[in-house]
């Protein structure tokens, strides 16, 4: 990885305009009349946790990445004091975390559960979450919705562009996805390149590779039931549209059973 920008900084720059999922969580917490503390698993740089704290919720975010947590704590310091006091972060594994207090709600935003490619790890995460929730507390999981048929002919490559606010330079992101039907996963490779407008020079600045679970609706529902949850609703986007074969997202609203 180059020294120009960290992966966490690139992530923040790329997703700084993403707010639709934040509205989803705020609406759900309001409808569920959540007054107690909220747990966010795989909170990253605090993109979701900070707005929830600004809205008046007490939020605990956990993540394993020190780099992401540094940015999350910097984001907290930029909040008004009363909002910052409602927000805390903890470096823990979402498969086996520990807090003394029970939570009134939990969220696993933006594909984070899919970062656990093994079904046993996802089961451990959901089981640990259930043990930390009050009875009937809501849990919302946002996942990418697998396409109905796998693409053929090799890897799929997607190119997108965004800018880093501090430098203003255009960044090109190349995403290479290779589906492994046998494992039920997608191997993903990110490559970030700086494109200089003056002469068109391209500089490789960062890359990352990881594996994402391809989680079908029936699979996540079965794992939730096994962990002690009841599935309340399943949407196909952040607007609450009914989930279907062509839905871009798989947004599951569950409740911990008594």
Protein backbone atom coordinates (compact mmCIF):
# COMPACT_ATOMS: atom_id res chain seq x y z
CA UNK A 1 0.00 0.00 0.00
CA UNK A 2 1.34 3.40 -0.92
CA UNK A 3 1.85 6.28 1.49
CA UNK A 4 -0.46 8.70 -0.36
CA UNK A 5 -3.59 7.54 1.41
CA UNK A 6 -4.59 4.70 3.70
CA UNK A 7 -7.30 2.22 2.79
CA UNK A 8 -9.43 3.68 5.59
CA UNK A 9 -9.08 7.18 4.13
CA UNK A 10 -9.96 5.88 0.67
CA UNK A 11 -13.00 4.09 2.09
CA UNK A 12 -14.20 7.28 3.77
CA UNK A 13 -13.72 9.35 0.62
CA UNK A 14 -15.53 6.83 -1.55
CA UNK A 15 -18.55 6.52 0.74
CA UNK A 16 -18.83 10.05 2.14
CA UNK A 17 -22.10 10.66 0.25
CA UNK A 18 -23.72 7.36 1.29
CA UNK A 19 -26.51 8.27 3.71
CA UNK A 20 -29.49 6.16 2.59
CA UNK A 21 -28.62 3.32 4.95
CA UNK A 22 -28.22 5.76 7.85
CA UNK A 23 -31.78 6.95 7.31
CA UNK A 24 -32.89 3.31 7.32
CA UNK A 25 -31.38 2.71 10.77
CA UNK A 26 -32.69 5.97 12.19
CA UNK A 27 -36.20 5.17 10.96
CA UNK A 28 -36.10 1.65 12.36
CA UNK A 29 -34.81 2.76 15.76
CA UNK A 30 -37.55 5.38 15.87
CA UNK A 31 -40.29 2.93 14.87
CA UNK A 32 -39.03 0.36 17.40
CA UNK A 33 -38.95 3.08 20.07
CA UNK A 34 -35.39 2.18 20.99
CA UNK A 35 -34.28 4.20 24.01
CA UNK A 36 -31.38 2.10 25.23
CA UNK A 37 -27.85 1.62 23.89
CA UNK A 38 -27.25 0.53 20.30
CA UNK A 39 -24.47 -1.84 19.22
CA UNK A 40 -22.86 -1.56 15.78
CA UNK A 41 -20.75 -4.50 14.66
CA UNK A 42 -17.87 -3.84 12.23
CA UNK A 43 -18.34 -0.10 12.69
CA UNK A 44 -15.32 0.85 10.57
CA UNK A 45 -14.60 4.58 10.63
CA UNK A 46 -17.86 5.48 12.37
CA UNK A 47 -19.73 6.48 9.20
CA UNK A 48 -23.00 5.12 10.63
CA UNK A 49 -22.34 5.32 14.37
CA UNK A 50 -21.64 9.06 14.43
CA UNK A 51 -24.96 10.13 12.84
CA UNK A 52 -26.83 7.81 15.21
CA UNK A 53 -25.12 9.50 18.17
CA UNK A 54 -25.94 12.91 16.70
CA UNK A 55 -29.59 11.84 16.58
CA UNK A 56 -29.54 11.14 20.32
CA UNK A 57 -28.72 7.42 20.51
CA UNK A 58 -26.08 5.93 22.77
CA UNK A 59 -23.91 3.90 20.41
CA UNK A 60 -21.10 1.41 20.91
CA UNK A 61 -19.16 0.47 17.79
CA UNK A 62 -16.77 -2.46 17.59
CA UNK A 63 -14.19 -3.22 14.92
CA UNK A 64 -10.91 -5.12 14.60
CA UNK A 65 -9.05 -2.60 12.43
CA UNK A 66 -6.88 -0.14 14.42
CA UNK A 67 -6.72 2.12 11.37
CA UNK A 68 -10.50 2.29 11.05
CA UNK A 69 -10.90 2.86 14.78
CA UNK A 70 -8.42 5.73 14.70
CA UNK A 71 -10.57 7.43 12.09
CA UNK A 72 -13.71 6.61 14.07
CA UNK A 73 -12.31 8.26 17.18
CA UNK A 74 -11.24 11.28 15.15
CA UNK A 75 -14.79 11.49 13.81
CA UNK A 76 -16.10 11.37 17.39
CA UNK A 77 -13.82 14.23 18.44
CA UNK A 78 -15.35 16.36 15.68
CA UNK A 79 -18.87 15.90 17.08
CA UNK A 80 -20.55 18.31 19.49
CA UNK A 81 -19.60 17.33 23.06
CA UNK A 82 -23.05 15.99 23.95
CA UNK A 83 -23.08 13.70 20.89
CA UNK A 84 -19.47 12.59 21.42
CA UNK A 85 -20.35 11.57 24.98
CA UNK A 86 -22.95 9.15 23.60
CA UNK A 87 -20.46 7.37 21.32
CA UNK A 88 -17.73 4.89 22.17
CA UNK A 89 -15.62 2.45 20.22
CA UNK A 90 -14.02 -0.86 21.14
CA UNK A 91 -11.48 -3.04 19.34
CA UNK A 92 -13.06 -6.49 19.38
CA UNK A 93 -13.79 -9.40 17.05
CA UNK A 94 -17.44 -9.52 15.98
CA UNK A 95 -17.39 -13.32 16.38
CA UNK A 96 -16.50 -13.21 20.09
CA UNK A 97 -16.95 -9.85 21.78
CA UNK A 98 -17.86 -9.05 25.37
CA UNK A 99 -19.71 -6.16 27.00
CA UNK A 100 -21.28 -6.00 30.44
CA UNK A 101 -24.39 -4.13 29.39
CA UNK A 102 -27.22 -5.59 27.30
CA UNK A 103 -28.10 -3.58 24.21
CA UNK A 104 -31.51 -2.37 23.08
CA UNK A 105 -30.69 -2.82 19.37
CA UNK A 106 -27.88 -3.96 17.09
CA UNK A 107 -26.92 -3.30 13.48
CA UNK A 108 -24.45 -4.94 11.09
CA UNK A 109 -24.31 -2.46 8.21
CA UNK A 110 -23.07 -2.42 4.64
CA UNK A 111 -22.10 -6.03 3.86
CA UNK A 112 -19.97 -6.46 7.00
CA UNK A 113 -21.39 -9.88 7.92
CA UNK A 114 -20.32 -11.11 4.47
CA UNK A 115 -16.71 -10.45 5.51
CA UNK A 116 -17.03 -13.74 7.42
CA UNK A 117 -16.90 -16.27 4.56
CA UNK A 118 -17.28 -19.31 6.83
CA UNK A 119 -20.81 -20.17 7.98
CA UNK A 120 -19.50 -21.17 11.41
CA UNK A 121 -18.02 -17.71 11.91
CA UNK A 122 -21.30 -16.04 10.95
CA UNK A 123 -23.13 -18.32 13.38
CA UNK A 124 -20.70 -17.34 16.13
CA UNK A 125 -21.25 -13.65 15.36
CA UNK A 126 -25.04 -13.94 15.45
CA UNK A 127 -24.97 -16.05 18.61
CA UNK A 128 -22.73 -13.56 20.40
CA UNK A 129 -24.98 -10.72 19.25
CA UNK A 130 -28.08 -12.48 20.58
CA UNK A 131 -26.44 -12.94 23.98
CA UNK A 132 -25.79 -9.19 24.16
CA UNK A 133 -29.32 -8.07 23.26
CA UNK A 134 -32.34 -7.46 25.42
CA UNK A 135 -35.42 -9.61 24.69
CA UNK A 136 -37.26 -8.40 21.58
CA UNK A 137 -34.40 -6.07 20.70
CA UNK A 138 -34.14 -5.46 16.94
CA UNK A 139 -31.18 -6.52 14.81
CA UNK A 140 -30.71 -5.17 11.27
CA UNK A 141 -28.29 -6.80 8.83
CA UNK A 142 -27.48 -5.23 5.46
CA UNK A 143 -26.00 -7.61 2.87
CA UNK A 144 -25.34 -7.58 -0.86
CA UNK A 145 -28.06 -9.57 -2.59
CA UNK A 146 -26.54 -12.42 -4.65
CA UNK A 147 -27.55 -12.42 -8.30
CA UNK A 148 -29.89 -15.22 -9.31
CA UNK A 149 -27.28 -16.74 -11.65
CA UNK A 150 -23.50 -16.52 -11.44
CA UNK A 151 -21.69 -14.71 -14.26
CA UNK A 152 -19.59 -16.83 -16.58
CA UNK A 153 -16.47 -16.11 -18.61
CA UNK A 154 -14.05 -15.21 -15.83
CA UNK A 155 -13.75 -12.33 -13.37
CA UNK A 156 -16.00 -9.29 -13.51
CA UNK A 157 -14.21 -5.94 -13.44
CA UNK A 158 -15.97 -2.74 -12.35
CA UNK A 159 -14.37 0.71 -12.58
CA UNK A 160 -15.50 3.72 -10.53
CA UNK A 161 -14.11 7.17 -9.72
CA UNK A 162 -14.14 9.50 -6.71
CA UNK A 163 -11.99 12.24 -5.19
CA UNK A 164 -10.03 12.57 -1.98
CA UNK A 165 -11.28 15.81 -0.35
CA UNK A 166 -7.88 16.74 1.10
CA UNK A 167 -6.01 16.62 -2.21
CA UNK A 168 -8.81 16.86 -4.75
CA UNK A 169 -7.08 14.37 -7.04
CA UNK A 170 -9.31 11.95 -8.98
CA UNK A 171 -9.05 8.36 -7.77
CA UNK A 172 -9.83 5.39 -10.00
CA UNK A 173 -11.01 2.22 -8.28
CA UNK A 174 -10.90 -1.12 -10.08
CA UNK A 175 -12.87 -3.97 -8.51
CA UNK A 176 -12.19 -7.50 -9.73
CA UNK A 177 -14.74 -10.09 -8.58
CA UNK A 178 -14.42 -13.86 -9.07
CA UNK A 179 -17.26 -16.07 -7.91
CA UNK A 180 -16.46 -19.44 -6.31
CA UNK A 181 -19.71 -21.40 -6.44
CA UNK A 182 -18.17 -24.33 -4.58
CA UNK A 183 -17.34 -22.20 -1.55
CA UNK A 184 -20.29 -19.87 -1.93
CA UNK A 185 -18.02 -16.84 -1.92
CA UNK A 186 -16.77 -14.01 -4.11
CA UNK A 187 -13.06 -13.26 -4.19
CA UNK A 188 -12.65 -9.50 -4.42
CA UNK A 189 -9.60 -7.43 -5.31
CA UNK A 190 -9.58 -3.63 -5.00
CA UNK A 191 -6.99 -1.50 -6.79
CA UNK A 192 -6.86 2.25 -6.21
CA UNK A 193 -5.02 4.46 -8.69
CA UNK A 194 -4.33 8.18 -8.71
CA UNK A 195 -5.01 9.76 -12.10
CA UNK A 196 -3.22 13.10 -12.54
CA UNK A 197 -5.28 15.41 -14.81
CA UNK A 198 -2.23 17.40 -15.94
CA UNK A 199 -0.59 14.61 -17.90
CA UNK A 200 -2.78 11.53 -17.40
CA UNK A 201 -0.16 9.82 -15.24
CA UNK A 202 -1.55 6.84 -13.32
CA UNK A 203 -0.02 5.98 -9.94
CA UNK A 204 -0.96 2.81 -8.05
CA UNK A 205 -1.63 3.90 -4.45
CA UNK A 206 -3.30 0.98 -2.65
CA UNK A 207 -4.82 -2.44 -3.08
CA UNK A 208 -6.69 -4.97 -0.99
CA UNK A 209 -7.95 -8.52 -1.47
CA UNK A 210 -10.55 -10.38 0.53
CA UNK A 211 -13.32 -12.96 0.32
CA UNK A 212 -17.02 -12.18 0.69
CA UNK A 213 -19.69 -14.73 1.52
CA UNK A 214 -22.53 -14.97 -1.01
CA UNK A 215 -25.39 -15.19 1.48
CA UNK A 216 -28.81 -16.20 0.20
CA UNK A 217 -31.97 -15.09 1.97
CA UNK A 218 -32.80 -18.61 3.12
CA UNK A 219 -29.29 -18.99 4.58
CA UNK A 220 -29.33 -15.83 6.68
CA UNK A 221 -32.88 -16.53 7.85
CA UNK A 222 -31.90 -20.06 8.95
CA UNK A 223 -28.85 -18.77 10.80
CA UNK A 224 -30.88 -16.09 12.53
CA UNK A 225 -33.49 -18.61 13.71
CA UNK A 226 -30.71 -20.90 14.97
CA UNK A 227 -29.15 -18.01 16.92
CA UNK A 228 -32.41 -17.15 18.68
CA UNK A 229 -33.90 -14.50 16.42
CA UNK A 230 -37.24 -14.12 14.69
CA UNK A 231 -37.18 -12.60 11.19
CA UNK A 232 -39.59 -9.66 11.06
CA UNK A 233 -39.06 -8.27 7.54
CA UNK A 234 -36.75 -8.56 4.54
CA UNK A 235 -36.21 -5.65 2.13
CA UNK A 236 -34.38 -5.39 -1.17
CA UNK A 237 -33.06 -1.84 -0.75
CA UNK A 238 -32.79 0.99 1.76
CA UNK A 239 -36.29 2.26 0.92
CA UNK A 240 -37.93 -0.87 2.25
CA UNK A 241 -38.92 -2.32 -1.14
CA UNK A 242 -39.90 -5.97 -0.97
CA UNK A 243 -36.93 -8.26 -1.60
CA UNK A 244 -36.89 -10.12 -4.91
CA UNK A 245 -34.49 -11.93 -7.28
CA UNK A 246 -33.21 -8.68 -8.80
CA UNK A 247 -32.93 -6.68 -5.56
CA UNK A 248 -29.57 -4.95 -5.05
CA UNK A 249 -29.51 -5.45 -1.27
CA UNK A 250 -30.66 -8.01 1.28
CA UNK A 251 -31.73 -6.02 4.35
CA UNK A 252 -32.97 -8.26 7.15
CA UNK A 253 -34.83 -6.96 10.20
CA UNK A 254 -34.89 -9.52 13.02
CA UNK A 255 -35.77 -9.54 16.72
CA UNK A 256 -34.17 -11.44 19.55
CA UNK A 257 -36.61 -13.95 20.94
CA UNK A 258 -37.51 -13.83 24.62
